[in-house]
PDB file of all heavy atoms in Angstrom:
ATOM      1  N   THR A   1      -8.001 -15.297  -6.056  1.00  0.00           N
ATOM      2  CA  THR A   1      -7.034 -15.238  -7.120  1.00  0.00           C
ATOM      3  C   THR A   1      -7.285 -14.051  -8.096  1.00  0.00           C
ATOM      4  O   THR A   1      -6.280 -13.511  -8.561  1.00  0.00           O
ATOM      5  CB  THR A   1      -7.098 -16.561  -8.038  1.00  0.00           C
ATOM      6  OG1 THR A   1      -8.495 -16.939  -8.203  1.00  0.00           O
ATOM      7  CG2 THR A   1      -6.321 -17.634  -7.374  1.00  0.00           C
ATOM      8  N   ASN A   2      -8.491 -13.566  -8.221  1.00  0.00           N
ATOM      9  CA  ASN A   2      -8.725 -12.407  -8.998  1.00  0.00           C
ATOM     10  C   ASN A   2      -8.211 -11.085  -8.388  1.00  0.00           C
ATOM     11  O   ASN A   2      -7.930 -10.098  -9.026  1.00  0.00           O
ATOM     12  CB  ASN A   2     -10.266 -12.210  -9.263  1.00  0.00           C
ATOM     13  CG  ASN A   2     -10.787 -13.270 -10.253  1.00  0.00           C
ATOM     14  OD1 ASN A   2     -10.017 -13.851 -10.963  1.00  0.00           O
ATOM     15  ND2 ASN A   2     -12.045 -13.523 -10.192  1.00  0.00           N
ATOM     16  N   ASP A   3      -8.008 -11.133  -7.057  1.00  0.00           N
ATOM     17  CA  ASP A   3      -7.569  -9.954  -6.306  1.00  0.00           C
ATOM     18  C   ASP A   3      -6.014  -9.949  -6.106  1.00  0.00           C
ATOM     19  O   ASP A   3      -5.512  -9.019  -5.482  1.00  0.00           O
ATOM     20  CB  ASP A   3      -8.264  -9.867  -4.937  1.00  0.00           C
ATOM     21  CG  ASP A   3      -9.698  -9.545  -5.006  1.00  0.00           C
ATOM     22  OD1 ASP A   3     -10.110  -8.868  -6.029  1.00  0.00           O
ATOM     23  OD2 ASP A   3     -10.450  -9.884  -4.063  1.00  0.00           O
ATOM     24  N   LEU A   4      -5.316 -10.938  -6.657  1.00  0.00           N
ATOM     25  CA  LEU A   4      -3.924 -10.958  -6.525  1.00  0.00           C
ATOM     26  C   LEU A   4      -3.262 -10.067  -7.530  1.00  0.00           C
ATOM     27  O   LEU A   4      -2.554 -10.441  -8.518  1.00  0.00           O
ATOM     28  CB  LEU A   4      -3.366 -12.433  -6.637  1.00  0.00           C
ATOM     29  CG  LEU A   4      -3.865 -13.345  -5.491  1.00  0.00           C
ATOM     30  CD1 LEU A   4      -3.299 -14.740  -5.789  1.00  0.00           C
ATOM     31  CD2 LEU A   4      -3.326 -12.868  -4.211  1.00  0.00           C
ATOM     32  N   THR A   5      -3.380  -8.775  -7.327  1.00  0.00           N
ATOM     33  CA  THR A   5      -2.881  -7.786  -8.250  1.00  0.00           C
ATOM     34  C   THR A   5      -2.036  -6.748  -7.474  1.00  0.00           C
ATOM     35  O   THR A   5      -2.231  -6.612  -6.234  1.00  0.00           O
ATOM     36  CB  THR A   5      -3.924  -7.007  -8.995  1.00  0.00           C
ATOM     37  OG1 THR A   5      -4.669  -6.280  -8.050  1.00  0.00           O
ATOM     38  CG2 THR A   5      -4.838  -7.961  -9.762  1.00  0.00           C
ATOM     39  N   THR A   6      -1.170  -6.066  -8.205  1.00  0.00           N
ATOM     40  CA  THR A   6      -0.382  -4.996  -7.479  1.00  0.00           C
ATOM     41  C   THR A   6      -1.322  -3.958  -6.901  1.00  0.00           C
ATOM     42  O   THR A   6      -1.170  -3.513  -5.748  1.00  0.00           O
ATOM     43  CB  THR A   6       0.633  -4.408  -8.475  1.00  0.00           C
ATOM     44  OG1 THR A   6       1.473  -5.395  -8.998  1.00  0.00           O
ATOM     45  CG2 THR A   6       1.415  -3.333  -7.804  1.00  0.00           C
ATOM     46  N   ALA A   7      -2.287  -3.596  -7.668  1.00  0.00           N
ATOM     47  CA  ALA A   7      -3.162  -2.520  -7.198  1.00  0.00           C
ATOM     48  C   ALA A   7      -3.915  -2.909  -5.847  1.00  0.00           C
ATOM     49  O   ALA A   7      -4.016  -2.111  -4.985  1.00  0.00           O
ATOM     50  CB  ALA A   7      -4.264  -2.131  -8.257  1.00  0.00           C
ATOM     51  N   LYS A   8      -4.384  -4.163  -5.829  1.00  0.00           N
ATOM     52  CA  LYS A   8      -5.156  -4.593  -4.646  1.00  0.00           C
ATOM     53  C   LYS A   8      -4.130  -4.738  -3.446  1.00  0.00           C
ATOM     54  O   LYS A   8      -4.531  -4.464  -2.323  1.00  0.00           O
ATOM     55  CB  LYS A   8      -5.757  -5.980  -4.919  1.00  0.00           C
ATOM     56  CG  LYS A   8      -6.960  -5.843  -5.827  1.00  0.00           C
ATOM     57  CD  LYS A   8      -8.091  -5.263  -5.115  1.00  0.00           C
ATOM     58  CE  LYS A   8      -9.356  -5.269  -5.967  1.00  0.00           C
ATOM     59  NZ  LYS A   8     -10.508  -4.712  -5.383  1.00  0.00           N
ATOM     60  N   PHE A   9      -2.898  -5.140  -3.749  1.00  0.00           N
ATOM     61  CA  PHE A   9      -1.892  -5.271  -2.632  1.00  0.00           C
ATOM     62  C   PHE A   9      -1.617  -3.820  -2.075  1.00  0.00           C
ATOM     63  O   PHE A   9      -1.546  -3.635  -0.847  1.00  0.00           O
ATOM     64  CB  PHE A   9      -0.632  -5.873  -3.076  1.00  0.00           C
ATOM     65  CG  PHE A   9       0.446  -5.996  -2.026  1.00  0.00           C
ATOM     66  CD1 PHE A   9       0.282  -6.879  -0.952  1.00  0.00           C
ATOM     67  CD2 PHE A   9       1.564  -5.176  -1.998  1.00  0.00           C
ATOM     68  CE1 PHE A   9       1.232  -7.005   0.067  1.00  0.00           C
ATOM     69  CE2 PHE A   9       2.452  -5.260  -0.960  1.00  0.00           C
ATOM     70  CZ  PHE A   9       2.313  -6.164  -0.051  1.00  0.00           C
ATOM     71  N   LEU A  10      -1.461  -2.850  -2.986  1.00  0.00           N
ATOM     72  CA  LEU A  10      -1.182  -1.514  -2.513  1.00  0.00           C
ATOM     73  C   LEU A  10      -2.344  -0.939  -1.759  1.00  0.00           C
ATOM     74  O   LEU A  10      -2.196  -0.219  -0.773  1.00  0.00           O
ATOM     75  CB  LEU A  10      -0.824  -0.593  -3.739  1.00  0.00           C
ATOM     76  CG  LEU A  10       0.463  -0.873  -4.499  1.00  0.00           C
ATOM     77  CD1 LEU A  10       0.561   0.005  -5.721  1.00  0.00           C
ATOM     78  CD2 LEU A  10       1.649  -0.814  -3.562  1.00  0.00           C
ATOM     79  N   GLU A  11      -3.548  -1.342  -2.163  1.00  0.00           N
ATOM     80  CA  GLU A  11      -4.779  -0.927  -1.406  1.00  0.00           C
ATOM     81  C   GLU A  11      -4.815  -1.546  -0.117  1.00  0.00           C
ATOM     82  O   GLU A  11      -5.122  -0.925   0.961  1.00  0.00           O
ATOM     83  CB  GLU A  11      -5.982  -1.398  -2.221  1.00  0.00           C
ATOM     84  CG  GLU A  11      -7.282  -0.861  -1.756  1.00  0.00           C
ATOM     85  CD  GLU A  11      -8.438  -1.328  -2.695  1.00  0.00           C
ATOM     86  OE1 GLU A  11      -8.463  -0.775  -3.809  1.00  0.00           O
ATOM     87  OE2 GLU A  11      -9.199  -2.193  -2.306  1.00  0.00           O
ATOM     88  N   PHE A  12      -4.396  -2.791   0.026  1.00  0.00           N
ATOM     89  CA  PHE A  12      -4.338  -3.557   1.295  1.00  0.00           C
ATOM     90  C   PHE A  12      -3.359  -2.928   2.212  1.00  0.00           C
ATOM     91  O   PHE A  12      -3.692  -2.740   3.400  1.00  0.00           O
ATOM     92  CB  PHE A  12      -3.918  -5.071   0.988  1.00  0.00           C
ATOM     93  CG  PHE A  12      -3.801  -5.929   2.214  1.00  0.00           C
ATOM     94  CD1 PHE A  12      -4.902  -6.390   2.849  1.00  0.00           C
ATOM     95  CD2 PHE A  12      -2.559  -6.191   2.714  1.00  0.00           C
ATOM     96  CE1 PHE A  12      -4.817  -7.183   3.971  1.00  0.00           C
ATOM     97  CE2 PHE A  12      -2.354  -7.021   3.814  1.00  0.00           C
ATOM     98  CZ  PHE A  12      -3.505  -7.509   4.458  1.00  0.00           C
ATOM     99  N   ILE A  13      -2.156  -2.636   1.843  1.00  0.00           N
ATOM    100  CA  ILE A  13      -1.197  -2.039   2.792  1.00  0.00           C
ATOM    101  C   ILE A  13      -1.459  -0.588   3.087  1.00  0.00           C
ATOM    102  O   ILE A  13      -0.993  -0.106   4.110  1.00  0.00           O
ATOM    103  CB  ILE A  13       0.287  -2.169   2.214  1.00  0.00           C
ATOM    104  CG1 ILE A  13       0.522  -1.326   0.951  1.00  0.00           C
ATOM    105  CG2 ILE A  13       0.717  -3.665   2.080  1.00  0.00           C
ATOM    106  CD1 ILE A  13       2.017  -1.288   0.531  1.00  0.00           C
ATOM    107  N   SER A  14      -2.328   0.046   2.323  1.00  0.00           N
ATOM    108  CA  SER A  14      -2.670   1.430   2.568  1.00  0.00           C
ATOM    109  C   SER A  14      -3.975   1.566   3.385  1.00  0.00           C
ATOM    110  O   SER A  14      -4.342   2.652   3.803  1.00  0.00           O
ATOM    111  CB  SER A  14      -2.878   2.197   1.259  1.00  0.00           C
ATOM    112  OG  SER A  14      -1.654   2.251   0.509  1.00  0.00           O
ATOM    113  N   ALA A  15      -4.608   0.425   3.638  1.00  0.00           N
ATOM    114  CA  ALA A  15      -5.865   0.423   4.357  1.00  0.00           C
ATOM    115  C   ALA A  15      -5.618   0.989   5.794  1.00  0.00           C
ATOM    116  O   ALA A  15      -4.553   0.732   6.372  1.00  0.00           O
ATOM    117  CB  ALA A  15      -6.490  -0.901   4.460  1.00  0.00           C
ATOM    118  N   PRO A  16      -6.470   1.865   6.350  1.00  0.00           N
ATOM    119  CA  PRO A  16      -6.229   2.424   7.636  1.00  0.00           C
ATOM    120  C   PRO A  16      -5.805   1.407   8.745  1.00  0.00           C
ATOM    121  O   PRO A  16      -4.901   1.719   9.506  1.00  0.00           O
ATOM    122  CB  PRO A  16      -7.585   3.093   7.974  1.00  0.00           C
ATOM    123  CG  PRO A  16      -8.178   3.396   6.717  1.00  0.00           C
ATOM    124  CD  PRO A  16      -7.737   2.231   5.799  1.00  0.00           C
ATOM    125  N   GLN A  17      -6.413   0.227   8.705  1.00  0.00           N
ATOM    126  CA  GLN A  17      -6.163  -0.754   9.734  1.00  0.00           C
ATOM    127  C   GLN A  17      -4.753  -1.422   9.532  1.00  0.00           C
ATOM    128  O   GLN A  17      -4.271  -2.126  10.457  1.00  0.00           O
ATOM    129  CB  GLN A  17      -7.238  -1.785   9.799  1.00  0.00           C
ATOM    130  CG  GLN A  17      -7.410  -2.621   8.554  1.00  0.00           C
ATOM    131  CD  GLN A  17      -8.403  -1.957   7.608  1.00  0.00           C
ATOM    132  OE1 GLN A  17      -8.545  -0.811   7.535  1.00  0.00           O
ATOM    133  NE2 GLN A  17      -9.036  -2.791   6.772  1.00  0.00           N
ATOM    134  N   ASN A  18      -4.092  -1.217   8.377  1.00  0.00           N
ATOM    135  CA  ASN A  18      -2.821  -1.844   8.061  1.00  0.00           C
ATOM    136  C   ASN A  18      -1.709  -0.842   7.951  1.00  0.00           C
ATOM    137  O   ASN A  18      -0.543  -1.210   7.840  1.00  0.00           O
ATOM    138  CB  ASN A  18      -2.883  -2.700   6.771  1.00  0.00           C
ATOM    139  CG  ASN A  18      -3.859  -3.810   6.949  1.00  0.00           C
ATOM    140  OD1 ASN A  18      -4.035  -4.389   8.032  1.00  0.00           O
ATOM    141  ND2 ASN A  18      -4.519  -4.156   5.865  1.00  0.00           N
ATOM    142  N   ARG A  19      -1.970   0.406   8.123  1.00  0.00           N
ATOM    143  CA  ARG A  19      -0.991   1.474   7.932  1.00  0.00           C
ATOM    144  C   ARG A  19       0.181   1.400   8.948  1.00  0.00           C
ATOM    145  O   ARG A  19       1.307   1.568   8.660  1.00  0.00           O
ATOM    146  CB  ARG A  19      -1.602   2.882   7.898  1.00  0.00           C
ATOM    147  CG  ARG A  19      -2.537   3.058   6.646  1.00  0.00           C
ATOM    148  CD  ARG A  19      -3.259   4.352   6.670  1.00  0.00           C
ATOM    149  NE  ARG A  19      -2.328   5.432   6.610  1.00  0.00           N
ATOM    150  CZ  ARG A  19      -1.670   5.861   5.541  1.00  0.00           C
ATOM    151  NH1 ARG A  19      -1.857   5.241   4.420  1.00  0.00           N
ATOM    152  NH2 ARG A  19      -0.841   6.900   5.571  1.00  0.00           N
ATOM    153  N   LYS A  20      -0.172   1.160  10.171  1.00  0.00           N
ATOM    154  CA  LYS A  20       0.814   1.076  11.310  1.00  0.00           C
ATOM    155  C   LYS A  20       1.893   0.030  10.981  1.00  0.00           C
ATOM    156  O   LYS A  20       3.038   0.248  11.242  1.00  0.00           O
ATOM    157  CB  LYS A  20       0.124   0.831  12.597  1.00  0.00           C
ATOM    158  CG  LYS A  20       1.096   0.785  13.785  1.00  0.00           C
ATOM    159  CD  LYS A  20       0.404   0.521  15.079  1.00  0.00           C
ATOM    160  CE  LYS A  20       1.434   0.318  16.117  1.00  0.00           C
ATOM    161  NZ  LYS A  20       1.295  -1.024  16.760  1.00  0.00           N
ATOM    162  N   ASP A  21       1.416  -1.124  10.502  1.00  0.00           N
ATOM    163  CA  ASP A  21       2.365  -2.221  10.253  1.00  0.00           C
ATOM    164  C   ASP A  21       3.025  -2.236   8.916  1.00  0.00           C
ATOM    165  O   ASP A  21       3.750  -3.152   8.602  1.00  0.00           O
ATOM    166  CB  ASP A  21       1.613  -3.550  10.483  1.00  0.00           C
ATOM    167  CG  ASP A  21       1.152  -3.714  11.926  1.00  0.00           C
ATOM    168  OD1 ASP A  21       1.934  -3.289  12.831  1.00  0.00           O
ATOM    169  OD2 ASP A  21       0.051  -4.186  12.189  1.00  0.00           O
ATOM    170  N   THR A  22       2.808  -1.185   8.076  1.00  0.00           N
ATOM    171  CA  THR A  22       3.406  -1.146   6.752  1.00  0.00           C
ATOM    172  C   THR A  22       3.984   0.254   6.524  1.00  0.00           C
ATOM    173  O   THR A  22       4.265   0.614   5.382  1.00  0.00           O
ATOM    174  CB  THR A  22       2.327  -1.486   5.660  1.00  0.00           C
ATOM    175  OG1 THR A  22       1.318  -0.537   5.731  1.00  0.00           O
ATOM    176  CG2 THR A  22       1.765  -2.864   5.823  1.00  0.00           C
ATOM    177  N   ARG A  23       4.359   0.955   7.490  1.00  0.00           N
ATOM    178  CA  ARG A  23       4.803   2.326   7.355  1.00  0.00           C
ATOM    179  C   ARG A  23       6.207   2.396   6.629  1.00  0.00           C
ATOM    180  O   ARG A  23       6.411   3.248   5.759  1.00  0.00           O
ATOM    181  CB  ARG A  23       4.812   3.120   8.652  1.00  0.00           C
ATOM    182  CG  ARG A  23       5.868   2.649   9.683  1.00  0.00           C
ATOM    183  CD  ARG A  23       5.672   3.506  10.935  1.00  0.00           C
ATOM    184  NE  ARG A  23       6.543   3.039  11.942  1.00  0.00           N
ATOM    185  CZ  ARG A  23       7.597   3.767  12.425  1.00  0.00           C
ATOM    186  NH1 ARG A  23       7.738   4.977  12.051  1.00  0.00           N
ATOM    187  NH2 ARG A  23       8.397   3.245  13.365  1.00  0.00           N
ATOM    188  N   PHE A  24       7.064   1.479   6.965  1.00  0.00           N
ATOM    189  CA  PHE A  24       8.395   1.502   6.283  1.00  0.00           C
ATOM    190  C   PHE A  24       8.218   0.991   4.844  1.00  0.00           C
ATOM    191  O   PHE A  24       8.859   1.541   3.902  1.00  0.00           O
ATOM    192  CB  PHE A  24       9.425   0.631   7.000  1.00  0.00           C
ATOM    193  CG  PHE A  24       9.852   1.227   8.276  1.00  0.00           C
ATOM    194  CD1 PHE A  24       9.241   0.865   9.499  1.00  0.00           C
ATOM    195  CD2 PHE A  24      10.883   2.182   8.316  1.00  0.00           C
ATOM    196  CE1 PHE A  24       9.697   1.442  10.717  1.00  0.00           C
ATOM    197  CE2 PHE A  24      11.312   2.759   9.576  1.00  0.00           C
ATOM    198  CZ  PHE A  24      10.723   2.383  10.705  1.00  0.00           C
ATOM    199  N   LEU A  25       7.358  -0.020   4.666  1.00  0.00           N
ATOM    200  CA  LEU A  25       7.116  -0.519   3.242  1.00  0.00           C
ATOM    201  C   LEU A  25       6.515   0.578   2.419  1.00  0.00           C
ATOM    202  O   LEU A  25       6.913   0.835   1.234  1.00  0.00           O
ATOM    203  CB  LEU A  25       6.244  -1.761   3.355  1.00  0.00           C
ATOM    204  CG  LEU A  25       5.753  -2.276   1.993  1.00  0.00           C
ATOM    205  CD1 LEU A  25       6.891  -2.738   1.180  1.00  0.00           C
ATOM    206  CD2 LEU A  25       4.791  -3.494   2.251  1.00  0.00           C
ATOM    207  N   ARG A  26       5.431   1.289   2.929  1.00  0.00           N
ATOM    208  CA  ARG A  26       4.797   2.308   2.135  1.00  0.00           C
ATOM    209  C   ARG A  26       5.844   3.457   1.848  1.00  0.00           C
ATOM    210  O   ARG A  26       5.832   3.977   0.696  1.00  0.00           O
ATOM    211  CB  ARG A  26       3.599   2.861   2.842  1.00  0.00           C
ATOM    212  CG  ARG A  26       2.421   1.790   2.745  1.00  0.00           C
ATOM    213  CD  ARG A  26       1.152   2.328   3.446  1.00  0.00           C
ATOM    214  NE  ARG A  26       1.352   2.441   4.910  1.00  0.00           N
ATOM    215  CZ  ARG A  26       1.517   3.590   5.559  1.00  0.00           C
ATOM    216  NH1 ARG A  26       1.505   4.731   4.941  1.00  0.00           N
ATOM    217  NH2 ARG A  26       1.685   3.622   6.860  1.00  0.00           N
ATOM    218  N   ALA A  27       6.626   3.835   2.710  1.00  0.00           N
ATOM    219  CA  ALA A  27       7.671   4.929   2.508  1.00  0.00           C
ATOM    220  C   ALA A  27       8.704   4.414   1.447  1.00  0.00           C
ATOM    221  O   ALA A  27       9.005   5.219   0.587  1.00  0.00           O
ATOM    222  CB  ALA A  27       8.411   5.217   3.844  1.00  0.00           C
ATOM    223  N   TYR A  28       9.075   3.185   1.505  1.00  0.00           N
ATOM    224  CA  TYR A  28      10.021   2.654   0.544  1.00  0.00           C
ATOM    225  C   TYR A  28       9.359   2.624  -0.827  1.00  0.00           C
ATOM    226  O   TYR A  28      10.019   3.022  -1.851  1.00  0.00           O
ATOM    227  CB  TYR A  28      10.412   1.182   0.954  1.00  0.00           C
ATOM    228  CG  TYR A  28      11.338   0.540   0.034  1.00  0.00           C
ATOM    229  CD1 TYR A  28      12.751   0.719   0.083  1.00  0.00           C
ATOM    230  CD2 TYR A  28      10.920  -0.279  -0.999  1.00  0.00           C
ATOM    231  CE1 TYR A  28      13.616   0.070  -0.767  1.00  0.00           C
ATOM    232  CE2 TYR A  28      11.754  -0.937  -1.895  1.00  0.00           C
ATOM    233  CZ  TYR A  28      13.128  -0.723  -1.766  1.00  0.00           C
ATOM    234  OH  TYR A  28      14.021  -1.319  -2.623  1.00  0.00           O
ATOM    235  N   LEU A  29       8.137   2.191  -0.949  1.00  0.00           N
ATOM    236  CA  LEU A  29       7.478   2.160  -2.289  1.00  0.00           C
ATOM    237  C   LEU A  29       7.255   3.486  -2.882  1.00  0.00           C
ATOM    238  O   LEU A  29       7.411   3.797  -4.048  1.00  0.00           O
ATOM    239  CB  LEU A  29       6.171   1.387  -2.141  1.00  0.00           C
ATOM    240  CG  LEU A  29       6.280  -0.170  -1.903  1.00  0.00           C
ATOM    241  CD1 LEU A  29       4.932  -0.727  -1.627  1.00  0.00           C
ATOM    242  CD2 LEU A  29       6.971  -0.796  -3.015  1.00  0.00           C
ATOM    243  N   LYS A  30       6.930   4.520  -1.967  1.00  0.00           N
ATOM    244  CA  LYS A  30       6.820   5.840  -2.427  1.00  0.00           C
ATOM    245  C   LYS A  30       8.103   6.412  -2.968  1.00  0.00           C
ATOM    246  O   LYS A  30       8.199   7.091  -3.998  1.00  0.00           O
ATOM    247  CB  LYS A  30       6.311   6.768  -1.333  1.00  0.00           C
ATOM    248  CG  LYS A  30       4.810   6.622  -1.056  1.00  0.00           C
ATOM    249  CD  LYS A  30       4.389   7.611   0.002  1.00  0.00           C
ATOM    250  CE  LYS A  30       2.950   7.345   0.439  1.00  0.00           C
ATOM    251  NZ  LYS A  30       2.566   8.305   1.570  1.00  0.00           N
ATOM    252  N   GLU A  31       9.185   6.089  -2.284  1.00  0.00           N
ATOM    253  CA  GLU A  31      10.507   6.493  -2.680  1.00  0.00           C
ATOM    254  C   GLU A  31      10.857   5.910  -4.071  1.00  0.00           C
ATOM    255  O   GLU A  31      11.590   6.554  -4.852  1.00  0.00           O
ATOM    256  CB  GLU A  31      11.540   6.041  -1.688  1.00  0.00           C
ATOM    257  CG  GLU A  31      12.976   6.399  -1.908  1.00  0.00           C
ATOM    258  CD  GLU A  31      13.878   5.860  -0.802  1.00  0.00           C
ATOM    259  OE1 GLU A  31      13.660   6.160   0.374  1.00  0.00           O
ATOM    260  OE2 GLU A  31      14.840   5.044  -1.176  1.00  0.00           O
ATOM    261  N   LYS A  32      10.364   4.744  -4.311  1.00  0.00           N
ATOM    262  CA  LYS A  32      10.577   4.037  -5.656  1.00  0.00           C
ATOM    263  C   LYS A  32       9.650   4.422  -6.726  1.00  0.00           C
ATOM    264  O   LYS A  32       9.693   3.936  -7.835  1.00  0.00           O
ATOM    265  CB  LYS A  32      10.570   2.533  -5.433  1.00  0.00           C
ATOM    266  CG  LYS A  32      11.571   2.013  -4.473  1.00  0.00           C
ATOM    267  CD  LYS A  32      13.031   2.277  -4.960  1.00  0.00           C
ATOM    268  CE  LYS A  32      14.038   1.759  -3.919  1.00  0.00           C
ATOM    269  NZ  LYS A  32      15.324   2.165  -4.341  1.00  0.00           N
ATOM    270  N   GLY A  33       8.712   5.339  -6.379  1.00  0.00           N
ATOM    271  CA  GLY A  33       7.808   5.873  -7.390  1.00  0.00           C
ATOM    272  C   GLY A  33       6.370   5.279  -7.475  1.00  0.00           C
ATOM    273  O   GLY A  33       5.642   5.611  -8.348  1.00  0.00           O
ATOM    274  N   TYR A  34       6.088   4.427  -6.569  1.00  0.00           N
ATOM    275  CA  TYR A  34       4.731   3.861  -6.510  1.00  0.00           C
ATOM    276  C   TYR A  34       3.774   4.868  -5.901  1.00  0.00           C
ATOM    277  O   TYR A  34       4.128   5.543  -4.959  1.00  0.00           O
ATOM    278  CB  TYR A  34       4.593   2.537  -5.740  1.00  0.00           C
ATOM    279  CG  TYR A  34       5.202   1.395  -6.437  1.00  0.00           C
ATOM    280  CD1 TYR A  34       6.565   1.098  -6.340  1.00  0.00           C
ATOM    281  CD2 TYR A  34       4.470   0.581  -7.225  1.00  0.00           C
ATOM    282  CE1 TYR A  34       7.165   0.034  -7.012  1.00  0.00           C
ATOM    283  CE2 TYR A  34       4.964  -0.458  -7.871  1.00  0.00           C
ATOM    284  CZ  TYR A  34       6.349  -0.779  -7.849  1.00  0.00           C
ATOM    285  OH  TYR A  34       6.881  -1.807  -8.482  1.00  0.00           O
ATOM    286  N   GLU A  35       2.549   4.931  -6.498  1.00  0.00           N
ATOM    287  CA  GLU A  35       1.493   5.795  -5.872  1.00  0.00           C
ATOM    288  C   GLU A  35       0.651   5.021  -4.982  1.00  0.00           C
ATOM    289  O   GLU A  35       0.117   3.989  -5.382  1.00  0.00           O
ATOM    290  CB  GLU A  35       0.672   6.413  -7.042  1.00  0.00           C
ATOM    291  CG  GLU A  35       1.415   7.510  -7.861  1.00  0.00           C
ATOM    292  CD  GLU A  35       0.466   8.270  -8.712  1.00  0.00           C
ATOM    293  OE1 GLU A  35      -0.679   8.502  -8.306  1.00  0.00           O
ATOM    294  OE2 GLU A  35       0.920   8.600  -9.821  1.00  0.00           O
ATOM    295  N   LEU A  36       0.538   5.540  -3.722  1.00  0.00           N
ATOM    296  CA  LEU A  36      -0.241   4.842  -2.744  1.00  0.00           C
ATOM    297  C   LEU A  36      -1.425   5.782  -2.366  1.00  0.00           C
ATOM    298  O   LEU A  36      -1.208   6.978  -2.316  1.00  0.00           O
ATOM    299  CB  LEU A  36       0.570   4.544  -1.475  1.00  0.00           C
ATOM    300  CG  LEU A  36       1.781   3.640  -1.764  1.00  0.00           C
ATOM    301  CD1 LEU A  36       2.560   3.491  -0.450  1.00  0.00           C
ATOM    302  CD2 LEU A  36       1.382   2.264  -2.280  1.00  0.00           C
ATOM    303  N   ALA A  37      -2.522   5.171  -2.064  1.00  0.00           N
ATOM    304  CA  ALA A  37      -3.675   5.947  -1.603  1.00  0.00           C
ATOM    305  C   ALA A  37      -3.540   6.260  -0.160  1.00  0.00           C
ATOM    306  O   ALA A  37      -3.676   5.340   0.710  1.00  0.00           O
ATOM    307  CB  ALA A  37      -4.955   5.137  -1.898  1.00  0.00           C
ATOM    308  N   ASP A  38      -3.210   7.503   0.204  1.00  0.00           N
ATOM    309  CA  ASP A  38      -2.948   7.865   1.564  1.00  0.00           C
ATOM    310  C   ASP A  38      -4.286   8.265   2.259  1.00  0.00           C
ATOM    311  O   ASP A  38      -4.329   8.352   3.465  1.00  0.00           O
ATOM    312  CB  ASP A  38      -1.969   9.000   1.667  1.00  0.00           C
ATOM    313  CG  ASP A  38      -0.542   8.533   1.442  1.00  0.00           C
ATOM    314  OD1 ASP A  38      -0.235   7.409   1.722  1.00  0.00           O
ATOM    315  OD2 ASP A  38       0.218   9.385   0.939  1.00  0.00           O
ATOM    316  N   ASN A  39      -5.286   8.544   1.440  1.00  0.00           N
ATOM    317  CA  ASN A  39      -6.504   9.134   2.014  1.00  0.00           C
ATOM    318  C   ASN A  39      -7.674   8.125   1.956  1.00  0.00           C
ATOM    319  O   ASN A  39      -8.793   8.532   1.858  1.00  0.00           O
ATOM    320  CB  ASN A  39      -6.849  10.447   1.359  1.00  0.00           C
ATOM    321  CG  ASN A  39      -6.977  10.244  -0.139  1.00  0.00           C
ATOM    322  OD1 ASN A  39      -6.755   9.134  -0.647  1.00  0.00           O
ATOM    323  ND2 ASN A  39      -7.368  11.300  -0.866  1.00  0.00           N
ATOM    324  N   LEU A  40      -7.391   6.827   1.977  1.00  0.00           N
ATOM    325  CA  LEU A  40      -8.474   5.849   1.908  1.00  0.00           C
ATOM    326  C   LEU A  40      -9.300   5.922   3.204  1.00  0.00           C
ATOM    327  O   LEU A  40      -8.752   5.986   4.308  1.00  0.00           O
ATOM    328  CB  LEU A  40      -7.889   4.475   1.819  1.00  0.00           C
ATOM    329  CG  LEU A  40      -7.199   4.150   0.455  1.00  0.00           C
ATOM    330  CD1 LEU A  40      -6.558   2.749   0.591  1.00  0.00           C
ATOM    331  CD2 LEU A  40      -8.145   4.161  -0.677  1.00  0.00           C
TER     332      LEU A  40
END
């Protein structure tokens, strides 16, 4: 419950092992102005 934050979710979808399955989501969020960690 302490990890249910936007920052932790963005970290989760940006994790190398999850990037393939979230590529459209990450592109959409970047387009909307969210900063994602691309170099994790």
